[in-house]
Amino acid sequence: MSIGITFKLYAGLTQYLPHEARVGNAMPLPLPDGATVLQAMQPFNLPMKIVKLVLVNGVYIAPERWPTHALRDGDVLAIWPPVAGG
């Protein structure tokens, strides 16, 4: 069985999305049932040292939970690098 989530990358991480998904910063992502946050990230070869903020449906997921937090059908996984502002 499989699930489908929306996978979003922001700011400097957008370049890791397939070209056609970069304009909207998001793409549908089919995953096996029980897939974790970390498993969803792995195919994109994100440089983990710059993955700063991970949200599932707007809720922060701490880095220590990435390998165990299972995603569900319809979830939105949004990932941000460190950002600076003023």
PDB file of N, CA and C in Angstrom:
ATOM      1  N   MET A   1       0.842  -1.184   0.000  1.00  0.00           N
ATOM      2  CA  MET A   1       0.000   0.000   0.000  1.00  0.00           C
ATOM      3  C   MET A   1       0.883   1.242   0.000  1.00  0.00           C
ATOM      4  N   SER A   2       0.341   2.340  -0.524  1.00  0.00           N
ATOM      5  CA  SER A   2       1.133   3.561  -0.584  1.00  0.00           C
ATOM      6  C   SER A   2       0.297   4.756  -0.152  1.00  0.00           C
ATOM      7  N   ILE A   3       1.010   5.853   0.101  1.00  0.00           N
ATOM      8  CA  ILE A   3       0.378   7.111   0.474  1.00  0.00           C
ATOM      9  C   ILE A   3       0.863   8.189  -0.484  1.00  0.00           C
ATOM     10  N   GLY A   4       0.201   9.330  -0.449  1.00  0.00           N
ATOM     11  CA  GLY A   4       0.641  10.471  -1.234  1.00  0.00           C
ATOM     12  C   GLY A   4       0.707  11.696  -0.347  1.00  0.00           C
ATOM     13  N   ILE A   5       1.845  12.398  -0.406  1.00  0.00           N
ATOM     14  CA  ILE A   5       1.999  13.630   0.363  1.00  0.00           C
ATOM     15  C   ILE A   5       2.335  14.763  -0.597  1.00  0.00           C
ATOM     16  N   THR A   6       2.321  15.977  -0.080  1.00  0.00           N
ATOM     17  CA  THR A   6       2.848  17.119  -0.810  1.00  0.00           C
ATOM     18  C   THR A   6       4.201  17.435  -0.202  1.00  0.00           C
ATOM     19  N   PHE A   7       5.226  17.477  -1.035  1.00  0.00           N
ATOM     20  CA  PHE A   7       6.602  17.720  -0.608  1.00  0.00           C
ATOM     21  C   PHE A   7       6.988  19.126  -1.040  1.00  0.00           C
ATOM     22  N   LYS A   8       7.398  19.967  -0.076  1.00  0.00           N
ATOM     23  CA  LYS A   8       7.735  21.361  -0.361  1.00  0.00           C
ATOM     24  C   LYS A   8       9.142  21.670   0.134  1.00  0.00           C
ATOM     25  N   LEU A   9       9.894  22.367  -0.711  1.00  0.00           N
ATOM     26  CA  LEU A   9      11.217  22.856  -0.332  1.00  0.00           C
ATOM     27  C   LEU A   9      11.246  24.363  -0.552  1.00  0.00           C
ATOM     28  N   TYR A  10      11.864  25.084   0.364  1.00  0.00           N
ATOM     29  CA  TYR A  10      11.874  26.541   0.296  1.00  0.00           C
ATOM     30  C   TYR A  10      13.276  27.107   0.227  1.00  0.00           C
ATOM     31  N   ALA A  11      13.341  28.358  -0.224  1.00  0.00           N
ATOM     32  CA  ALA A  11      14.571  29.145  -0.310  1.00  0.00           C
ATOM     33  C   ALA A  11      15.634  28.365  -1.086  1.00  0.00           C
ATOM     34  N   GLY A  12      16.836  28.265  -0.561  1.00  0.00           N
ATOM     35  CA  GLY A  12      17.935  27.620  -1.261  1.00  0.00           C
ATOM     36  C   GLY A  12      17.756  26.138  -1.507  1.00  0.00           C
ATOM     37  N   LEU A  13      16.807  25.516  -0.836  1.00  0.00           N
ATOM     38  CA  LEU A  13      16.580  24.078  -1.045  1.00  0.00           C
ATOM     39  C   LEU A  13      15.736  23.784  -2.283  1.00  0.00           C
ATOM     40  N   THR A  14      15.085  24.792  -2.820  1.00  0.00           N
ATOM     41  CA  THR A  14      14.219  24.595  -3.987  1.00  0.00           C
ATOM     42  C   THR A  14      14.968  23.936  -5.140  1.00  0.00           C
ATOM     43  N   GLN A  15      16.254  24.211  -5.266  1.00  0.00           N
ATOM     44  CA  GLN A  15      17.047  23.652  -6.369  1.00  0.00           C
ATOM     45  C   GLN A  15      17.111  22.124  -6.350  1.00  0.00           C
ATOM     46  N   TYR A  16      16.744  21.502  -5.236  1.00  0.00           N
ATOM     47  CA  TYR A  16      16.765  20.045  -5.136  1.00  0.00           C
ATOM     48  C   TYR A  16      15.475  19.392  -5.636  1.00  0.00           C
ATOM     49  N   LEU A  17      14.476  20.212  -5.943  1.00  0.00           N
ATOM     50  CA  LEU A  17      13.247  19.696  -6.538  1.00  0.00           C
ATOM     51  C   LEU A  17      13.462  19.458  -8.029  1.00  0.00           C
ATOM     52  N   PRO A  18      12.691  18.569  -8.632  1.00  0.00           N
ATOM     53  CA  PRO A  18      12.745  18.462 -10.102  1.00  0.00           C
ATOM     54  C   PRO A  18      12.419  19.820 -10.725  1.00  0.00           C
ATOM     55  N   HIS A  19      13.017  20.092 -11.862  1.00  0.00           N
ATOM     56  CA  HIS A  19      12.880  21.409 -12.495  1.00  0.00           C
ATOM     57  C   HIS A  19      11.427  21.887 -12.589  1.00  0.00           C
ATOM     58  N   GLU A  20      10.529  21.007 -13.008  1.00  0.00           N
ATOM     59  CA  GLU A  20       9.131  21.407 -13.210  1.00  0.00           C
ATOM     60  C   GLU A  20       8.409  21.747 -11.911  1.00  0.00           C
ATOM     61  N   ALA A  21       8.937  21.337 -10.764  1.00  0.00           N
ATOM     62  CA  ALA A  21       8.296  21.616  -9.475  1.00  0.00           C
ATOM     63  C   ALA A  21       8.846  22.864  -8.798  1.00  0.00           C
ATOM     64  N   ARG A  22       9.890  23.445  -9.343  1.00  0.00           N
ATOM     65  CA  ARG A  22      10.560  24.573  -8.671  1.00  0.00           C
ATOM     66  C   ARG A  22       9.732  25.843  -8.644  1.00  0.00           C
ATOM     67  N   VAL A  23       8.901  26.070  -9.636  1.00  0.00           N
ATOM     68  CA  VAL A  23       8.117  27.305  -9.684  1.00  0.00           C
ATOM     69  C   VAL A  23       7.175  27.394  -8.487  1.00  0.00           C
ATOM     70  N   GLY A  24       6.507  26.329  -8.142  1.00  0.00           N
ATOM     71  CA  GLY A  24       5.590  26.346  -7.014  1.00  0.00           C
ATOM     72  C   GLY A  24       6.184  25.837  -5.718  1.00  0.00           C
ATOM     73  N   ASN A  25       7.462  25.443  -5.751  1.00  0.00           N
ATOM     74  CA  ASN A  25       8.173  24.917  -4.571  1.00  0.00           C
ATOM     75  C   ASN A  25       7.558  23.644  -4.020  1.00  0.00           C
ATOM     76  N   ALA A  26       6.703  22.975  -4.762  1.00  0.00           N
ATOM     77  CA  ALA A  26       6.009  21.806  -4.215  1.00  0.00           C
ATOM     78  C   ALA A  26       5.761  20.776  -5.304  1.00  0.00           C
ATOM     79  N   MET A  27       5.622  19.532  -4.853  1.00  0.00           N
ATOM     80  CA  MET A  27       5.296  18.455  -5.776  1.00  0.00           C
ATOM     81  C   MET A  27       4.588  17.343  -5.022  1.00  0.00           C
ATOM     82  N   PRO A  28       3.737  16.593  -5.719  1.00  0.00           N
ATOM     83  CA  PRO A  28       3.163  15.409  -5.091  1.00  0.00           C
ATOM     84  C   PRO A  28       4.258  14.353  -4.964  1.00  0.00           C
ATOM     85  N   LEU A  29       4.222  13.605  -3.875  1.00  0.00           N
ATOM     86  CA  LEU A  29       5.241  12.578  -3.654  1.00  0.00           C
ATOM     87  C   LEU A  29       4.585  11.301  -3.157  1.00  0.00           C
ATOM     88  N   PRO A  30       4.567  10.261  -3.993  1.00  0.00           N
ATOM     89  CA  PRO A  30       4.055   8.966  -3.533  1.00  0.00           C
ATOM     90  C   PRO A  30       5.124   8.291  -2.667  1.00  0.00           C
ATOM     91  N   LEU A  31       4.679   7.668  -1.589  1.00  0.00           N
ATOM     92  CA  LEU A  31       5.578   6.983  -0.656  1.00  0.00           C
ATOM     93  C   LEU A  31       4.956   5.672  -0.223  1.00  0.00           C
ATOM     94  N   PRO A  32       5.783   4.736   0.216  1.00  0.00           N
ATOM     95  CA  PRO A  32       5.216   3.509   0.783  1.00  0.00           C
ATOM     96  C   PRO A  32       4.523   3.819   2.110  1.00  0.00           C
ATOM     97  N   ASP A  33       3.511   3.059   2.421  1.00  0.00           N
ATOM     98  CA  ASP A  33       2.808   3.213   3.691  1.00  0.00           C
ATOM     99  C   ASP A  33       3.811   3.101   4.831  1.00  0.00           C
ATOM    100  N   GLY A  34       3.739   4.019   5.794  1.00  0.00           N
ATOM    101  CA  GLY A  34       4.639   3.999   6.938  1.00  0.00           C
ATOM    102  C   GLY A  34       5.938   4.746   6.722  1.00  0.00           C
ATOM    103  N   ALA A  35       6.121   5.383   5.563  1.00  0.00           N
ATOM    104  CA  ALA A  35       7.354   6.129   5.296  1.00  0.00           C
ATOM    105  C   ALA A  35       7.522   7.262   6.301  1.00  0.00           C
ATOM    106  N   THR A  36       8.769   7.511   6.660  1.00  0.00           N
ATOM    107  CA  THR A  36       9.074   8.553   7.637  1.00  0.00           C
ATOM    108  C   THR A  36       9.497   9.843   6.944  1.00  0.00           C
ATOM    109  N   VAL A  37       9.601  10.901   7.731  1.00  0.00           N
ATOM    110  CA  VAL A  37      10.086  12.184   7.224  1.00  0.00           C
ATOM    111  C   VAL A  37      11.457  11.995   6.571  1.00  0.00           C
ATOM    112  N   LEU A  38      12.351  11.301   7.235  1.00  0.00           N
ATOM    113  CA  LEU A  38      13.695  11.099   6.695  1.00  0.00           C
ATOM    114  C   LEU A  38      13.652  10.314   5.385  1.00  0.00           C
ATOM    115  N   GLN A  39      12.822   9.307   5.305  1.00  0.00           N
ATOM    116  CA  GLN A  39      12.712   8.526   4.071  1.00  0.00           C
ATOM    117  C   GLN A  39      12.171   9.380   2.922  1.00  0.00           C
ATOM    118  N   ALA A  40      11.287  10.306   3.220  1.00  0.00           N
ATOM    119  CA  ALA A  40      10.760  11.197   2.178  1.00  0.00           C
ATOM    120  C   ALA A  40      11.843  12.139   1.658  1.00  0.00           C
ATOM    121  N   MET A  41      12.760  12.549   2.520  1.00  0.00           N
ATOM    122  CA  MET A  41      13.821  13.475   2.132  1.00  0.00           C
ATOM    123  C   MET A  41      14.934  12.796   1.341  1.00  0.00           C
ATOM    124  N   GLN A  42      15.220  11.545   1.617  1.00  0.00           N
ATOM    125  CA  GLN A  42      16.395  10.870   1.067  1.00  0.00           C
ATOM    126  C   GLN A  42      16.531  10.904  -0.451  1.00  0.00           C
ATOM    127  N   PRO A  43      15.478  10.693  -1.232  1.00  0.00           N
ATOM    128  CA  PRO A  43      15.670  10.688  -2.694  1.00  0.00           C
ATOM    129  C   PRO A  43      16.126  12.030  -3.271  1.00  0.00           C
ATOM    130  N   PHE A  44      15.988  13.101  -2.509  1.00  0.00           N
ATOM    131  CA  PHE A  44      16.321  14.435  -3.011  1.00  0.00           C
ATOM    132  C   PHE A  44      17.762  14.836  -2.709  1.00  0.00           C
ATOM    133  N   ASN A  45      18.478  13.995  -1.963  1.00  0.00           N
ATOM    134  CA  ASN A  45      19.882  14.257  -1.630  1.00  0.00           C
ATOM    135  C   ASN A  45      20.093  15.642  -1.026  1.00  0.00           C
ATOM    136  N   LEU A  46      19.215  16.004  -0.114  1.00  0.00           N
ATOM    137  CA  LEU A  46      19.338  17.294   0.552  1.00  0.00           C
ATOM    138  C   LEU A  46      20.578  17.304   1.439  1.00  0.00           C
ATOM    139  N   PRO A  47      21.324  18.407   1.439  1.00  0.00           N
ATOM    140  CA  PRO A  47      22.453  18.511   2.361  1.00  0.00           C
ATOM    141  C   PRO A  47      21.909  18.716   3.781  1.00  0.00           C
ATOM    142  N   MET A  48      21.932  17.669   4.566  1.00  0.00           N
ATOM    143  CA  MET A  48      21.273  17.698   5.874  1.00  0.00           C
ATOM    144  C   MET A  48      21.803  18.797   6.788  1.00  0.00           C
ATOM    145  N   LYS A  49      23.037  19.244   6.563  1.00  0.00           N
ATOM    146  CA  LYS A  49      23.584  20.301   7.410  1.00  0.00           C
ATOM    147  C   LYS A  49      22.871  21.633   7.200  1.00  0.00           C
ATOM    148  N   ILE A  50      22.131  21.769   6.081  1.00  0.00           N
ATOM    149  CA  ILE A  50      21.392  23.025   5.897  1.00  0.00           C
ATOM    150  C   ILE A  50      19.872  22.832   5.954  1.00  0.00           C
ATOM    151  N   VAL A  51      19.425  21.653   6.344  1.00  0.00           N
ATOM    152  CA  VAL A  51      17.990  21.460   6.592  1.00  0.00           C
ATOM    153  C   VAL A  51      17.739  21.922   8.025  1.00  0.00           C
ATOM    154  N   LYS A  52      17.013  23.009   8.167  1.00  0.00           N
ATOM    155  CA  LYS A  52      16.855  23.630   9.485  1.00  0.00           C
ATOM    156  C   LYS A  52      15.466  23.416  10.088  1.00  0.00           C
ATOM    157  N   LEU A  53      14.439  23.622   9.290  1.00  0.00           N
ATOM    158  CA  LEU A  53      13.072  23.611   9.801  1.00  0.00           C
ATOM    159  C   LEU A  53      12.247  22.618   8.995  1.00  0.00           C
ATOM    160  N   VAL A  54      11.663  21.647   9.678  1.00  0.00           N
ATOM    161  CA  VAL A  54      10.820  20.643   9.037  1.00  0.00           C
ATOM    162  C   VAL A  54       9.442  20.697   9.679  1.00  0.00           C
ATOM    163  N   LEU A  55       8.432  20.892   8.843  1.00  0.00           N
ATOM    164  CA  LEU A  55       7.056  20.970   9.315  1.00  0.00           C
ATOM    165  C   LEU A  55       6.221  19.908   8.609  1.00  0.00           C
ATOM    166  N   VAL A  56       5.362  19.248   9.349  1.00  0.00           N
ATOM    167  CA  VAL A  56       4.373  18.345   8.772  1.00  0.00           C
ATOM    168  C   VAL A  56       3.015  18.937   9.122  1.00  0.00           C
ATOM    169  N   ASN A  57       2.295  19.341   8.103  1.00  0.00           N
ATOM    170  CA  ASN A  57       0.993  19.996   8.292  1.00  0.00           C
ATOM    171  C   ASN A  57       1.111  21.203   9.218  1.00  0.00           C
ATOM    172  N   GLY A  58       2.225  21.933   9.094  1.00  0.00           N
ATOM    173  CA  GLY A  58       2.437  23.139   9.886  1.00  0.00           C
ATOM    174  C   GLY A  58       2.964  22.903  11.288  1.00  0.00           C
ATOM    175  N   VAL A  59       3.231  21.658  11.655  1.00  0.00           N
ATOM    176  CA  VAL A  59       3.718  21.324  12.995  1.00  0.00           C
ATOM    177  C   VAL A  59       5.202  20.972  12.910  1.00  0.00           C
ATOM    178  N   TYR A  60       6.005  21.610  13.751  1.00  0.00           N
ATOM    179  CA  TYR A  60       7.452  21.392  13.781  1.00  0.00           C
ATOM    180  C   TYR A  60       7.781  19.951  14.160  1.00  0.00           C
ATOM    181  N   ILE A  61       8.702  19.361  13.409  1.00  0.00           N
ATOM    182  CA  ILE A  61       9.205  18.020  13.704  1.00  0.00           C
ATOM    183  C   ILE A  61      10.696  18.164  14.010  1.00  0.00           C
ATOM    184  N   ALA A  62      11.088  17.866  15.239  1.00  0.00           N
ATOM    185  CA  ALA A  62      12.480  17.986  15.665  1.00  0.00           C
ATOM    186  C   ALA A  62      13.350  16.973  14.916  1.00  0.00           C
ATOM    187  N   PRO A  63      14.619  17.308  14.654  1.00  0.00           N
ATOM    188  CA  PRO A  63      15.501  16.422  13.893  1.00  0.00           C
ATOM    189  C   PRO A  63      15.587  15.000  14.439  1.00  0.00           C
ATOM    190  N   GLU A  64      15.547  14.833  15.725  1.00  0.00           N
ATOM    191  CA  GLU A  64      15.638  13.481  16.292  1.00  0.00           C
ATOM    192  C   GLU A  64      14.409  12.628  15.974  1.00  0.00           C
ATOM    193  N   ARG A  65      13.313  13.267  15.530  1.00  0.00           N
ATOM    194  CA  ARG A  65      12.095  12.533  15.170  1.00  0.00           C
ATOM    195  C   ARG A  65      11.973  12.239  13.677  1.00  0.00           C
ATOM    196  N   TRP A  66      12.864  12.805  12.850  1.00  0.00           N
ATOM    197  CA  TRP A  66      12.787  12.590  11.405  1.00  0.00           C
ATOM    198  C   TRP A  66      12.834  11.110  11.038  1.00  0.00           C
ATOM    199  N   PRO A  67      13.678  10.298  11.691  1.00  0.00           N
ATOM    200  CA  PRO A  67      13.722   8.877  11.304  1.00  0.00           C
ATOM    201  C   PRO A  67      12.523   8.058  11.759  1.00  0.00           C
ATOM    202  N   THR A  68      11.710   8.588  12.670  1.00  0.00           N
ATOM    203  CA  THR A  68      10.611   7.789  13.218  1.00  0.00           C
ATOM    204  C   THR A  68       9.223   8.376  12.986  1.00  0.00           C
ATOM    205  N   HIS A  69       9.135   9.638  12.595  1.00  0.00           N
ATOM    206  CA  HIS A  69       7.816  10.259  12.398  1.00  0.00           C
ATOM    207  C   HIS A  69       7.221   9.776  11.077  1.00  0.00           C
ATOM    208  N   ALA A  70       6.222   8.919  11.168  1.00  0.00           N
ATOM    209  CA  ALA A  70       5.572   8.364   9.973  1.00  0.00           C
ATOM    210  C   ALA A  70       4.619   9.378   9.356  1.00  0.00           C
ATOM    211  N   LEU A  71       4.685   9.486   8.062  1.00  0.00           N
ATOM    212  CA  LEU A  71       3.790  10.370   7.319  1.00  0.00           C
ATOM    213  C   LEU A  71       2.509   9.632   6.983  1.00  0.00           C
ATOM    214  N   ARG A  72       1.432  10.417   6.814  1.00  0.00           N
ATOM    215  CA  ARG A  72       0.131   9.843   6.464  1.00  0.00           C
ATOM    216  C   ARG A  72      -0.347  10.424   5.137  1.00  0.00           C
ATOM    217  N   ASP A  73      -1.223   9.696   4.507  1.00  0.00           N
ATOM    218  CA  ASP A  73      -1.782  10.131   3.241  1.00  0.00           C
ATOM    219  C   ASP A  73      -2.346  11.547   3.377  1.00  0.00           C
ATOM    220  N   GLY A  74      -1.969  12.437   2.469  1.00  0.00           N
ATOM    221  CA  GLY A  74      -2.468  13.802   2.472  1.00  0.00           C
ATOM    222  C   GLY A  74      -1.615  14.785   3.249  1.00  0.00           C
ATOM    223  N   ASP A  75      -0.585  14.308   3.962  1.00  0.00           N
ATOM    224  CA  ASP A  75       0.280  15.219   4.726  1.00  0.00           C
ATOM    225  C   ASP A  75       0.996  16.183   3.790  1.00  0.00           C
ATOM    226  N   VAL A  76       1.376  17.329   4.358  1.00  0.00           N
ATOM    227  CA  VAL A  76       2.210  18.304   3.669  1.00  0.00           C
ATOM    228  C   VAL A  76       3.518  18.398   4.445  1.00  0.00           C
ATOM    229  N   LEU A  77       4.612  18.032   3.790  1.00  0.00           N
ATOM    230  CA  LEU A  77       5.945  18.082   4.384  1.00  0.00           C
ATOM    231  C   LEU A  77       6.666  19.282   3.797  1.00  0.00           C
ATOM    232  N   ALA A  78       6.987  20.266   4.642  1.00  0.00           N
ATOM    233  CA  ALA A  78       7.646  21.497   4.209  1.00  0.00           C
ATOM    234  C   ALA A  78       8.996  21.604   4.902  1.00  0.00           C
ATOM    235  N   ILE A  79      10.026  21.917   4.114  1.00  0.00           N
ATOM    236  CA  ILE A  79      11.396  21.935   4.620  1.00  0.00           C
ATOM    237  C   ILE A  79      12.064  23.260   4.250  1.00  0.00           C
ATOM    238  N   TRP A  80      12.706  23.870   5.248  1.00  0.00           N
ATOM    239  CA  TRP A  80      13.368  25.168   5.081  1.00  0.00           C
ATOM    240  C   TRP A  80      14.837  25.071   5.482  1.00  0.00           C
ATOM    241  N   PRO A  81      15.706  25.826   4.788  1.00  0.00           N
ATOM    242  CA  PRO A  81      17.082  25.968   5.247  1.00  0.00           C
ATOM    243  C   PRO A  81      17.115  27.082   6.308  1.00  0.00           C
ATOM    244  N   PRO A  82      18.277  27.319   6.925  1.00  0.00           N
ATOM    245  CA  PRO A  82      18.359  28.475   7.826  1.00  0.00           C
ATOM    246  C   PRO A  82      18.051  29.748   7.021  1.00  0.00           C
ATOM    247  N   VAL A  83      17.333  30.647   7.618  1.00  0.00           N
ATOM    248  CA  VAL A  83      17.003  31.904   6.942  1.00  0.00           C
ATOM    249  C   VAL A  83      17.453  33.072   7.803  1.00  0.00           C
ATOM    250  N   ALA A  84      17.832  34.143   7.153  1.00  0.00           N
ATOM    251  CA  ALA A  84      18.230  35.345   7.863  1.00  0.00           C
ATOM    252  C   ALA A  84      17.276  36.450   7.462  1.00  0.00           C
ATOM    253  N   GLY A  85      17.067  37.350   8.340  1.00  0.00           N
ATOM    254  CA  GLY A  85      16.176  38.465   8.040  1.00  0.00           C
ATOM    255  C   GLY A  85      16.470  39.624   8.950  1.00  0.00           C
ATOM    256  N   GLY A  86      15.772  40.676   8.693  1.00  0.00           N
ATOM    257  CA  GLY A  86      16.071  41.850   9.497  1.00  0.00           C
ATOM    258  C   GLY A  86      14.881  42.567   9.956  1.00  0.00           C
TER     259      GLY A  86
END
